[in-house]
Amino acid sequence: GFPSIPANSPLWPMLPPKYLSATKPKKSWAPDLYELDSDLTKEPDATVREGATDPEFFHQRFRNFLYVEFVGPRKTLFKLRNLCLDWLQPETRTKEEIIELLVLEQYLTILPEKIKPWVRAKKPENCEKLVTLLENYKGMYEPGGETL
């Protein structure tokens, strides 16, 4: 199996991903963006909000996490990795599903600003649905053939 390395070890954040599944904490620690009284100096044993199962919740926690200087770079890296794991869920998702999430996010990021709100409101679940939405958008709103 994998080496047994405590989660609070300074080496833990630097381990290759194959070693993390055996030792990573079940819940991540990060300042909750919605709880202003979160104590950023506590060890990584705080739990995420009860009932938070929506992947988008974890995605936003990962993307909106802010660097807090007094916590330090090592703890910040540890927290970011945990937030990423909470979002991507590598223990339950395949590599293909994780790649799909990352490509979908990047595609949504590079869309022209004029159509981002429309596409985001439709909440495409995967890249194929996004492409279908974009093709339909072009047909509905851009009959002149302007490319997206």
N, C-alpha and C. Protein backbone atom coordinates (compact mmCIF):
# COMPACT_ATOMS: atom_id res chain seq x y z
N GLY A 1 0.77 -1.18 0.00
CA GLY A 1 0.00 0.00 0.00
C GLY A 1 0.83 1.26 0.00
N PHE A 2 0.18 2.28 0.46
CA PHE A 2 0.77 3.60 0.50
C PHE A 2 1.41 3.85 1.85
N PRO A 3 2.42 4.72 1.92
CA PRO A 3 3.00 5.03 3.21
C PRO A 3 2.00 5.74 4.09
N SER A 4 2.12 5.52 5.38
CA SER A 4 1.22 6.19 6.31
C SER A 4 1.87 7.48 6.76
N ILE A 5 1.38 8.59 6.24
CA ILE A 5 1.94 9.90 6.56
C ILE A 5 0.82 10.74 7.14
N PRO A 6 1.02 11.27 8.35
CA PRO A 6 -0.04 12.08 8.96
C PRO A 6 -0.36 13.29 8.10
N ALA A 7 -1.62 13.69 8.10
CA ALA A 7 -2.06 14.83 7.29
C ALA A 7 -1.38 16.12 7.71
N ASN A 8 -0.91 16.22 8.95
CA ASN A 8 -0.28 17.46 9.39
C ASN A 8 1.23 17.46 9.15
N SER A 9 1.75 16.44 8.48
CA SER A 9 3.18 16.37 8.16
C SER A 9 3.53 17.44 7.15
N PRO A 10 4.70 18.09 7.30
CA PRO A 10 5.10 19.10 6.31
C PRO A 10 5.32 18.49 4.93
N LEU A 11 5.53 17.18 4.84
CA LEU A 11 5.72 16.53 3.55
C LEU A 11 4.42 16.24 2.84
N TRP A 12 3.33 16.17 3.57
CA TRP A 12 2.05 15.74 3.01
C TRP A 12 1.63 16.54 1.79
N PRO A 13 1.69 17.89 1.81
CA PRO A 13 1.24 18.63 0.62
C PRO A 13 2.10 18.41 -0.61
N MET A 14 3.30 17.85 -0.45
CA MET A 14 4.19 17.68 -1.59
C MET A 14 4.13 16.27 -2.17
N LEU A 15 3.36 15.39 -1.58
CA LEU A 15 3.29 14.01 -2.05
C LEU A 15 2.61 13.92 -3.41
N PRO A 16 3.03 12.96 -4.23
CA PRO A 16 2.32 12.74 -5.49
C PRO A 16 0.88 12.33 -5.21
N PRO A 17 -0.05 12.63 -6.13
CA PRO A 17 -1.46 12.34 -5.89
C PRO A 17 -1.77 10.89 -5.52
N LYS A 18 -1.00 9.92 -6.02
CA LYS A 18 -1.33 8.53 -5.71
C LYS A 18 -1.18 8.23 -4.23
N TYR A 19 -0.40 9.02 -3.50
CA TYR A 19 -0.25 8.81 -2.07
C TYR A 19 -1.30 9.56 -1.26
N LEU A 20 -1.93 10.53 -1.85
CA LEU A 20 -2.87 11.37 -1.11
C LEU A 20 -4.15 10.65 -0.74
N SER A 21 -4.63 9.74 -1.57
CA SER A 21 -5.91 9.10 -1.30
C SER A 21 -5.87 8.27 -0.03
N ALA A 22 -4.71 7.79 0.35
CA ALA A 22 -4.62 6.96 1.56
C ALA A 22 -4.55 7.80 2.82
N THR A 23 -4.17 9.07 2.70
CA THR A 23 -3.93 9.84 3.91
C THR A 23 -4.69 11.15 3.98
N LYS A 24 -5.33 11.55 2.91
CA LYS A 24 -5.95 12.88 2.93
C LYS A 24 -7.15 12.93 3.86
N PRO A 25 -7.35 14.08 4.50
CA PRO A 25 -8.52 14.22 5.37
C PRO A 25 -9.79 14.13 4.55
N LYS A 26 -10.87 13.71 5.18
CA LYS A 26 -12.14 13.57 4.48
C LYS A 26 -12.78 14.93 4.19
N LYS A 27 -12.47 15.94 5.00
CA LYS A 27 -13.06 17.25 4.79
C LYS A 27 -11.95 18.29 4.73
N SER A 28 -12.14 19.30 3.95
CA SER A 28 -11.10 20.31 3.80
C SER A 28 -11.27 21.41 4.83
N TRP A 29 -10.20 22.15 5.01
CA TRP A 29 -10.25 23.32 5.86
C TRP A 29 -9.97 24.51 5.00
N ALA A 30 -10.77 25.50 5.11
CA ALA A 30 -10.55 26.76 4.42
C ALA A 30 -11.48 27.76 5.03
N PRO A 31 -11.11 29.03 5.02
CA PRO A 31 -12.04 30.01 5.56
C PRO A 31 -13.32 30.00 4.75
N ASP A 32 -14.42 29.91 5.43
CA ASP A 32 -15.71 29.92 4.74
C ASP A 32 -16.00 31.35 4.32
N LEU A 33 -16.22 31.53 3.04
CA LEU A 33 -16.44 32.87 2.51
C LEU A 33 -17.71 33.50 3.06
N TYR A 34 -18.59 32.68 3.60
CA TYR A 34 -19.86 33.20 4.09
C TYR A 34 -19.89 33.32 5.61
N GLU A 35 -18.82 32.92 6.27
CA GLU A 35 -18.74 33.06 7.71
C GLU A 35 -17.56 33.97 8.03
N LEU A 36 -17.84 35.22 8.29
CA LEU A 36 -16.79 36.20 8.49
C LEU A 36 -15.99 35.96 9.76
N ASP A 37 -16.54 35.19 10.71
CA ASP A 37 -15.83 34.96 11.96
C ASP A 37 -14.98 33.70 11.91
N SER A 38 -14.75 33.11 10.73
CA SER A 38 -13.91 31.92 10.63
C SER A 38 -12.52 32.23 11.16
N ASP A 39 -11.97 31.32 11.94
CA ASP A 39 -10.64 31.48 12.50
C ASP A 39 -9.63 30.86 11.55
N LEU A 40 -8.86 31.70 10.86
CA LEU A 40 -7.93 31.22 9.85
C LEU A 40 -6.67 30.61 10.45
N THR A 41 -6.49 30.74 11.76
CA THR A 41 -5.26 30.23 12.36
C THR A 41 -5.42 28.81 12.88
N LYS A 42 -6.63 28.26 12.85
CA LYS A 42 -6.86 26.90 13.35
C LYS A 42 -6.24 25.87 12.41
N GLU A 43 -5.93 24.72 12.97
CA GLU A 43 -5.39 23.62 12.18
C GLU A 43 -6.45 23.10 11.22
N PRO A 44 -6.05 22.38 10.18
CA PRO A 44 -7.01 21.89 9.18
C PRO A 44 -7.89 20.76 9.69
N ASP A 45 -8.74 21.06 10.67
CA ASP A 45 -9.67 20.05 11.16
C ASP A 45 -11.10 20.57 11.17
N ALA A 46 -11.28 21.79 10.70
CA ALA A 46 -12.63 22.33 10.63
C ALA A 46 -13.40 21.59 9.54
N THR A 47 -14.71 21.57 9.65
CA THR A 47 -15.50 20.84 8.66
C THR A 47 -16.20 21.81 7.73
N VAL A 48 -16.52 21.32 6.55
CA VAL A 48 -17.28 22.13 5.61
C VAL A 48 -18.73 22.18 6.07
N ARG A 49 -19.44 23.14 5.54
CA ARG A 49 -20.84 23.34 5.91
C ARG A 49 -21.64 22.06 5.71
N GLU A 50 -22.45 21.70 6.71
CA GLU A 50 -23.30 20.51 6.64
C GLU A 50 -24.25 20.63 5.46
N GLY A 51 -24.45 19.56 4.75
CA GLY A 51 -25.40 19.54 3.65
C GLY A 51 -24.86 20.09 2.35
N ALA A 52 -23.61 20.52 2.34
CA ALA A 52 -23.04 21.08 1.11
C ALA A 52 -22.64 19.92 0.20
N THR A 53 -23.50 19.57 -0.73
CA THR A 53 -23.21 18.47 -1.63
C THR A 53 -23.17 18.92 -3.09
N ASP A 54 -23.59 20.13 -3.37
CA ASP A 54 -23.60 20.63 -4.74
C ASP A 54 -22.16 20.84 -5.21
N PRO A 55 -21.75 20.18 -6.29
CA PRO A 55 -20.38 20.36 -6.78
C PRO A 55 -20.03 21.82 -7.06
N GLU A 56 -21.01 22.61 -7.47
CA GLU A 56 -20.75 24.02 -7.76
C GLU A 56 -20.34 24.78 -6.49
N PHE A 57 -20.88 24.38 -5.35
CA PHE A 57 -20.49 24.99 -4.07
C PHE A 57 -18.99 24.81 -3.85
N PHE A 58 -18.51 23.57 -4.06
CA PHE A 58 -17.10 23.28 -3.86
C PHE A 58 -16.23 23.93 -4.94
N HIS A 59 -16.76 23.99 -6.16
CA HIS A 59 -16.05 24.66 -7.24
C HIS A 59 -15.82 26.12 -6.89
N GLN A 60 -16.87 26.80 -6.42
CA GLN A 60 -16.75 28.21 -6.07
C GLN A 60 -15.84 28.43 -4.87
N ARG A 61 -15.89 27.52 -3.90
CA ARG A 61 -14.97 27.63 -2.76
C ARG A 61 -13.53 27.55 -3.24
N PHE A 62 -13.25 26.66 -4.18
CA PHE A 62 -11.90 26.52 -4.72
C PHE A 62 -11.51 27.78 -5.51
N ARG A 63 -12.36 28.22 -6.41
CA ARG A 63 -12.04 29.35 -7.28
C ARG A 63 -12.00 30.69 -6.54
N ASN A 64 -12.75 30.83 -5.47
CA ASN A 64 -12.83 32.11 -4.76
C ASN A 64 -11.97 32.18 -3.51
N PHE A 65 -11.20 31.14 -3.25
CA PHE A 65 -10.33 31.13 -2.08
C PHE A 65 -9.30 32.24 -2.21
N LEU A 66 -9.10 32.98 -1.15
CA LEU A 66 -8.15 34.08 -1.16
C LEU A 66 -6.92 33.75 -0.33
N TYR A 67 -5.79 34.21 -0.78
CA TYR A 67 -4.54 34.03 -0.04
C TYR A 67 -4.59 34.91 1.20
N VAL A 68 -4.29 34.31 2.34
CA VAL A 68 -4.25 35.05 3.60
C VAL A 68 -2.82 34.92 4.10
N GLU A 69 -2.10 36.03 4.07
CA GLU A 69 -0.66 36.01 4.32
C GLU A 69 -0.27 35.39 5.65
N PHE A 70 -1.00 35.72 6.73
CA PHE A 70 -0.57 35.24 8.04
C PHE A 70 -0.80 33.74 8.23
N VAL A 71 -1.55 33.11 7.36
CA VAL A 71 -1.72 31.66 7.44
C VAL A 71 -0.46 30.96 6.93
N GLY A 72 0.16 31.53 5.92
CA GLY A 72 1.40 30.99 5.39
C GLY A 72 1.21 30.23 4.10
N PRO A 73 2.27 30.17 3.30
CA PRO A 73 2.17 29.53 1.98
C PRO A 73 1.91 28.03 2.04
N ARG A 74 2.49 27.32 3.00
CA ARG A 74 2.31 25.87 3.07
C ARG A 74 0.88 25.50 3.42
N LYS A 75 0.30 26.18 4.43
CA LYS A 75 -1.09 25.89 4.80
C LYS A 75 -2.03 26.32 3.68
N THR A 76 -1.69 27.41 2.99
CA THR A 76 -2.52 27.85 1.88
C THR A 76 -2.53 26.80 0.77
N LEU A 77 -1.37 26.24 0.44
CA LEU A 77 -1.30 25.18 -0.56
C LEU A 77 -2.11 23.97 -0.12
N PHE A 78 -1.97 23.59 1.13
CA PHE A 78 -2.72 22.46 1.69
C PHE A 78 -4.23 22.70 1.54
N LYS A 79 -4.68 23.91 1.87
CA LYS A 79 -6.11 24.23 1.79
C LYS A 79 -6.58 24.24 0.34
N LEU A 80 -5.78 24.82 -0.55
CA LEU A 80 -6.16 24.84 -1.96
C LEU A 80 -6.28 23.43 -2.53
N ARG A 81 -5.35 22.57 -2.17
CA ARG A 81 -5.43 21.19 -2.65
C ARG A 81 -6.68 20.50 -2.14
N ASN A 82 -7.00 20.71 -0.87
CA ASN A 82 -8.22 20.11 -0.32
C ASN A 82 -9.47 20.65 -0.99
N LEU A 83 -9.50 21.94 -1.24
CA LEU A 83 -10.66 22.53 -1.93
C LEU A 83 -10.79 21.95 -3.33
N CYS A 84 -9.67 21.79 -4.02
CA CYS A 84 -9.69 21.21 -5.35
C CYS A 84 -10.20 19.77 -5.31
N LEU A 85 -9.74 19.00 -4.33
CA LEU A 85 -10.20 17.61 -4.18
C LEU A 85 -11.69 17.56 -3.87
N ASP A 86 -12.17 18.50 -3.03
CA ASP A 86 -13.60 18.56 -2.74
C ASP A 86 -14.41 18.80 -4.01
N TRP A 87 -13.88 19.67 -4.88
CA TRP A 87 -14.58 20.00 -6.12
C TRP A 87 -14.49 18.85 -7.13
N LEU A 88 -13.29 18.38 -7.42
CA LEU A 88 -13.10 17.40 -8.49
C LEU A 88 -13.43 15.97 -8.07
N GLN A 89 -13.42 15.68 -6.79
CA GLN A 89 -13.79 14.37 -6.23
C GLN A 89 -13.12 13.21 -6.98
N PRO A 90 -11.79 13.16 -6.98
CA PRO A 90 -11.10 12.10 -7.73
C PRO A 90 -11.36 10.70 -7.20
N GLU A 91 -11.84 10.59 -5.97
CA GLU A 91 -12.14 9.26 -5.43
C GLU A 91 -13.43 8.68 -6.00
N THR A 92 -14.29 9.53 -6.59
CA THR A 92 -15.56 9.04 -7.14
C THR A 92 -15.71 9.33 -8.64
N ARG A 93 -14.87 10.19 -9.19
CA ARG A 93 -14.97 10.53 -10.61
C ARG A 93 -13.82 9.90 -11.38
N THR A 94 -14.10 9.60 -12.64
CA THR A 94 -13.05 9.06 -13.52
C THR A 94 -12.18 10.21 -14.02
N LYS A 95 -11.04 9.86 -14.59
CA LYS A 95 -10.16 10.87 -15.19
C LYS A 95 -10.91 11.65 -16.26
N GLU A 96 -11.70 10.93 -17.06
CA GLU A 96 -12.45 11.56 -18.14
C GLU A 96 -13.44 12.58 -17.60
N GLU A 97 -14.12 12.25 -16.51
CA GLU A 97 -15.08 13.18 -15.90
C GLU A 97 -14.38 14.42 -15.35
N ILE A 98 -13.21 14.23 -14.76
CA ILE A 98 -12.45 15.37 -14.23
C ILE A 98 -11.97 16.26 -15.37
N ILE A 99 -11.48 15.65 -16.44
CA ILE A 99 -11.05 16.43 -17.60
C ILE A 99 -12.22 17.19 -18.18
N GLU A 100 -13.38 16.55 -18.25
CA GLU A 100 -14.59 17.20 -18.76
C GLU A 100 -14.92 18.45 -17.94
N LEU A 101 -14.84 18.34 -16.62
CA LEU A 101 -15.10 19.49 -15.74
C LEU A 101 -14.13 20.63 -16.02
N LEU A 102 -12.85 20.30 -16.13
CA LEU A 102 -11.83 21.33 -16.34
C LEU A 102 -11.97 21.99 -17.71
N VAL A 103 -12.23 21.19 -18.74
CA VAL A 103 -12.39 21.74 -20.09
C VAL A 103 -13.66 22.60 -20.15
N LEU A 104 -14.74 22.13 -19.53
CA LEU A 104 -15.98 22.91 -19.51
C LEU A 104 -15.75 24.25 -18.82
N GLU A 105 -15.07 24.23 -17.69
CA GLU A 105 -14.80 25.49 -16.99
C GLU A 105 -13.98 26.44 -17.85
N GLN A 106 -12.95 25.92 -18.50
CA GLN A 106 -12.11 26.78 -19.33
C GLN A 106 -12.88 27.31 -20.53
N TYR A 107 -13.70 26.47 -21.13
CA TYR A 107 -14.50 26.90 -22.28
C TYR A 107 -15.44 28.04 -21.85
N LEU A 108 -16.08 27.88 -20.70
CA LEU A 108 -16.97 28.93 -20.20
C LEU A 108 -16.20 30.22 -19.94
N THR A 109 -14.95 30.10 -19.54
CA THR A 109 -14.12 31.27 -19.25
C THR A 109 -13.76 32.03 -20.52
N ILE A 110 -13.52 31.32 -21.62
CA ILE A 110 -13.06 31.98 -22.84
C ILE A 110 -14.19 32.44 -23.77
N LEU A 111 -15.41 32.18 -23.39
CA LEU A 111 -16.54 32.63 -24.22
C LEU A 111 -16.55 34.15 -24.34
N PRO A 112 -17.06 34.67 -25.46
CA PRO A 112 -17.23 36.12 -25.58
C PRO A 112 -18.13 36.65 -24.46
N GLU A 113 -17.76 37.80 -23.93
CA GLU A 113 -18.49 38.38 -22.79
C GLU A 113 -19.99 38.56 -23.08
N LYS A 114 -20.33 38.84 -24.34
CA LYS A 114 -21.73 39.13 -24.65
C LYS A 114 -22.64 37.91 -24.48
N ILE A 115 -22.10 36.70 -24.55
CA ILE A 115 -22.97 35.52 -24.41
C ILE A 115 -22.76 34.75 -23.11
N LYS A 116 -21.73 35.13 -22.33
CA LYS A 116 -21.47 34.41 -21.07
C LYS A 116 -22.69 34.34 -20.16
N PRO A 117 -23.39 35.45 -19.92
CA PRO A 117 -24.55 35.37 -19.01
C PRO A 117 -25.62 34.41 -19.51
N TRP A 118 -25.88 34.43 -20.81
CA TRP A 118 -26.90 33.54 -21.38
C TRP A 118 -26.51 32.08 -21.20
N VAL A 119 -25.26 31.76 -21.51
CA VAL A 119 -24.79 30.37 -21.40
C VAL A 119 -24.77 29.93 -19.95
N ARG A 120 -24.25 30.77 -19.06
CA ARG A 120 -24.18 30.39 -17.64
C ARG A 120 -25.57 30.18 -17.05
N ALA A 121 -26.54 30.95 -17.50
CA ALA A 121 -27.92 30.78 -17.02
C ALA A 121 -28.48 29.42 -17.42
N LYS A 122 -28.01 28.88 -18.53
CA LYS A 122 -28.46 27.56 -19.00
C LYS A 122 -27.78 26.41 -18.26
N LYS A 123 -26.69 26.68 -17.57
CA LYS A 123 -25.95 25.70 -16.75
C LYS A 123 -25.66 24.39 -17.49
N PRO A 124 -24.88 24.47 -18.57
CA PRO A 124 -24.55 23.22 -19.28
C PRO A 124 -23.77 22.27 -18.37
N GLU A 125 -24.14 21.01 -18.40
CA GLU A 125 -23.54 20.01 -17.51
C GLU A 125 -22.26 19.41 -18.06
N ASN A 126 -22.06 19.52 -19.37
CA ASN A 126 -20.85 18.97 -19.98
C ASN A 126 -20.55 19.74 -21.26
N CYS A 127 -19.42 19.41 -21.86
CA CYS A 127 -18.97 20.14 -23.05
C CYS A 127 -19.90 19.95 -24.24
N GLU A 128 -20.44 18.75 -24.40
CA GLU A 128 -21.34 18.50 -25.52
C GLU A 128 -22.60 19.37 -25.41
N LYS A 129 -23.14 19.49 -24.20
CA LYS A 129 -24.32 20.34 -24.00
C LYS A 129 -23.97 21.80 -24.22
N LEU A 130 -22.76 22.19 -23.85
CA LEU A 130 -22.32 23.56 -24.08
C LEU A 130 -22.25 23.86 -25.58
N VAL A 131 -21.66 22.96 -26.34
CA VAL A 131 -21.55 23.16 -27.79
C VAL A 131 -22.93 23.23 -28.42
N THR A 132 -23.84 22.37 -28.00
CA THR A 132 -25.21 22.41 -28.52
C THR A 132 -25.86 23.75 -28.21
N LEU A 133 -25.68 24.24 -26.99
CA LEU A 133 -26.22 25.56 -26.63
C LEU A 133 -25.66 26.64 -27.53
N LEU A 134 -24.36 26.60 -27.75
CA LEU A 134 -23.72 27.62 -28.58
C LEU A 134 -24.20 27.55 -30.03
N GLU A 135 -24.39 26.36 -30.53
CA GLU A 135 -24.91 26.21 -31.89
C GLU A 135 -26.34 26.74 -31.97
N ASN A 136 -27.15 26.47 -30.95
CA ASN A 136 -28.52 27.00 -30.92
C ASN A 136 -28.52 28.51 -30.78
N TYR A 137 -27.63 29.04 -29.97
CA TYR A 137 -27.52 30.49 -29.78
C TYR A 137 -27.21 31.16 -31.11
N LYS A 138 -26.27 30.60 -31.82
CA LYS A 138 -25.88 31.16 -33.11
C LYS A 138 -27.08 31.18 -34.06
N GLY A 139 -27.85 30.11 -34.07
CA GLY A 139 -29.02 30.04 -34.94
C GLY A 139 -30.13 31.00 -34.53
N MET A 140 -30.30 31.22 -33.21
CA MET A 140 -31.37 32.08 -32.72
C MET A 140 -31.03 33.56 -32.81
N TYR A 141 -29.79 33.91 -32.47
CA TYR A 141 -29.46 35.32 -32.31
C TYR A 141 -28.50 35.88 -33.35
N GLU A 142 -27.90 35.02 -34.13
CA GLU A 142 -26.91 35.51 -35.08
C GLU A 142 -27.14 34.90 -36.46
N PRO A 143 -28.30 35.19 -37.08
CA PRO A 143 -28.60 34.59 -38.38
C PRO A 143 -27.64 35.01 -39.48
N GLY A 144 -26.92 36.10 -39.30
CA GLY A 144 -25.96 36.56 -40.31
C GLY A 144 -24.73 35.69 -40.41
N GLY A 145 -24.62 34.70 -39.53
CA GLY A 145 -23.49 33.78 -39.61
C GLY A 145 -22.26 34.22 -38.85
N GLU A 146 -22.39 35.23 -37.98
CA GLU A 146 -21.24 35.66 -37.18
C GLU A 146 -20.77 34.48 -36.32
N THR A 147 -19.49 34.25 -36.30
CA THR A 147 -18.98 33.11 -35.54
C THR A 147 -18.81 33.46 -34.08
N LEU A 148 -18.91 32.42 -33.26
CA LEU A 148 -18.71 32.60 -31.82
C LEU A 148 -17.31 32.22 -31.44
